[in-house]
Amino acid sequence: MVVACHSIYALLASLDELAVQANSSGSGSRPSLIIVDSISALLSPVVGSMQHHQGNVLVAETGRLLRHIADSLQLAVLVTNHVVGSSYSAFSSKGAPGRDSAGVAGQQGGAG
């Protein structure tokens, strides 16, 4: 089942509905995985606006609710923030900044 949520409020409502349905219907129809793709797109209208405090509360509530559902229904939760794709290939993506394949971040090759 796929549920498209275009706001953080729709996500929270869908998660509440999922928890109620799963608790009432037994283990036969429970999902085994919840994926929240690009959570920053859902949160940015609230966190980036004048409603900063409300945005922080919604971030905390979303995390709390996802953790509660994962624990109570024994399922996995995958949350992505923002995936950056490469323009050179449809299958490659840029990794996070950090250690390179040589194991040293930001160091140029060769001795000095």
Protein backbone atom coordinates (compact mmCIF):
# COMPACT_ATOMS: atom_id res chain seq x y z
CA MET A 1 0.00 0.00 0.00
CA VAL A 2 1.29 3.46 -0.89
CA VAL A 3 -0.02 6.60 0.78
CA ALA A 4 1.06 9.93 -0.71
CA CYS A 5 1.33 12.61 1.96
CA HIS A 6 2.08 16.13 0.79
CA SER A 7 2.25 17.74 4.24
CA ILE A 8 3.49 16.79 7.67
CA TYR A 9 -0.09 16.92 8.93
CA ALA A 10 -1.18 14.35 6.33
CA LEU A 11 1.75 12.11 7.32
CA LEU A 12 0.84 12.25 11.00
CA ALA A 13 -2.82 11.50 10.20
CA SER A 14 -1.81 8.54 8.01
CA LEU A 15 0.48 7.16 10.71
CA ASP A 16 -2.27 7.47 13.32
CA GLU A 17 -4.69 5.69 11.00
CA LEU A 18 -2.15 2.94 10.31
CA ALA A 19 -1.60 2.36 14.02
CA VAL A 20 -5.33 2.11 14.69
CA GLN A 21 -5.96 -0.25 11.75
CA ALA A 22 -2.99 -2.48 12.55
CA ASN A 23 -3.92 -2.79 16.21
CA SER A 24 -7.53 -3.69 15.41
CA SER A 25 -6.98 -6.05 12.46
CA GLY A 26 -4.39 -8.43 13.89
CA SER A 27 -0.99 -9.41 12.55
CA GLY A 28 -2.20 -10.72 9.17
CA SER A 29 -2.60 -7.36 7.44
CA ARG A 30 0.19 -5.42 9.13
CA PRO A 31 2.89 -3.85 6.97
CA SER A 32 6.48 -4.88 7.59
CA LEU A 33 8.06 -1.61 6.42
CA ILE A 34 7.20 2.10 6.46
CA ILE A 35 9.16 4.39 4.14
CA VAL A 36 8.97 8.15 4.56
CA ASP A 37 10.68 9.62 1.51
CA SER A 38 12.08 13.17 1.67
CA ILE A 39 10.83 14.10 5.11
CA SER A 40 12.53 17.48 4.77
CA ALA A 41 10.09 18.37 1.98
CA LEU A 42 7.21 17.77 4.40
CA LEU A 43 8.80 19.68 7.26
CA SER A 44 10.35 22.65 5.47
CA PRO A 45 7.11 24.67 5.06
CA VAL A 46 6.61 24.59 8.83
CA VAL A 47 10.19 24.67 10.13
CA GLY A 48 11.34 27.31 7.63
CA SER A 49 8.50 29.72 8.30
CA MET A 50 7.59 31.98 11.17
CA GLN A 51 6.10 28.96 12.95
CA HIS A 52 9.56 27.73 13.99
CA HIS A 53 8.52 26.47 17.43
CA GLN A 54 5.55 24.59 15.99
CA GLY A 55 7.86 23.03 13.39
CA ASN A 56 10.21 21.73 16.08
CA VAL A 57 7.27 20.20 17.93
CA LEU A 58 6.10 18.49 14.72
CA VAL A 59 9.60 17.10 14.06
CA ALA A 60 9.71 15.63 17.56
CA GLU A 61 6.16 14.26 17.32
CA THR A 62 6.85 12.64 13.95
CA GLY A 63 9.92 10.89 15.31
CA ARG A 64 8.10 9.80 18.46
CA LEU A 65 5.16 8.42 16.48
CA LEU A 66 7.37 6.54 14.01
CA ARG A 67 9.34 4.99 16.86
CA HIS A 68 6.16 4.02 18.72
CA ILE A 69 4.68 2.37 15.60
CA ALA A 70 7.93 0.53 14.87
CA ASP A 71 8.14 -0.79 18.43
CA SER A 72 4.50 -1.68 18.91
CA LEU A 73 3.91 -3.25 15.47
CA GLN A 74 7.38 -4.80 15.16
CA LEU A 75 8.15 -3.26 11.78
CA ALA A 76 11.00 -1.35 10.16
CA VAL A 77 10.92 2.37 9.43
CA LEU A 78 13.10 4.00 6.77
CA VAL A 79 13.21 7.80 6.63
CA THR A 80 15.09 9.63 3.90
CA ASN A 81 15.93 13.29 4.07
CA HIS A 82 17.07 14.37 0.64
CA VAL A 83 18.78 12.14 -1.92
CA VAL A 84 21.03 13.87 -4.44
CA GLY A 85 21.25 12.21 -7.83
CA SER A 86 23.99 12.54 -10.39
CA SER A 87 23.30 14.09 -13.78
CA TYR A 88 25.73 11.66 -15.43
CA SER A 89 23.89 8.44 -14.64
CA ALA A 90 20.44 7.51 -13.48
CA PHE A 91 21.90 4.88 -11.13
CA SER A 92 24.63 6.75 -9.32
CA SER A 93 24.25 9.15 -6.44
CA LYS A 94 26.62 11.36 -4.51
CA GLY A 95 27.74 10.09 -1.17
CA ALA A 96 27.79 12.19 1.95
CA PRO A 97 30.92 14.26 2.54
CA GLY A 98 33.44 12.48 4.70
CA ARG A 99 36.18 9.94 4.29
CA ASP A 100 37.13 9.05 0.76
CA SER A 101 38.23 5.64 -0.47
CA ALA A 102 41.77 6.28 0.82
CA GLY A 103 40.35 6.81 4.29
CA VAL A 104 41.37 10.45 4.74
CA ALA A 105 38.90 13.27 4.25
CA GLY A 106 39.97 16.27 2.25
CA GLN A 107 43.60 15.20 1.74
CA GLN A 108 45.19 15.60 -1.69
CA GLY A 109 47.32 12.82 -3.09
CA GLY A 110 51.13 13.04 -3.09
CA ALA A 111 53.66 14.21 -0.55
CA GLY A 112 54.46 17.71 -0.19
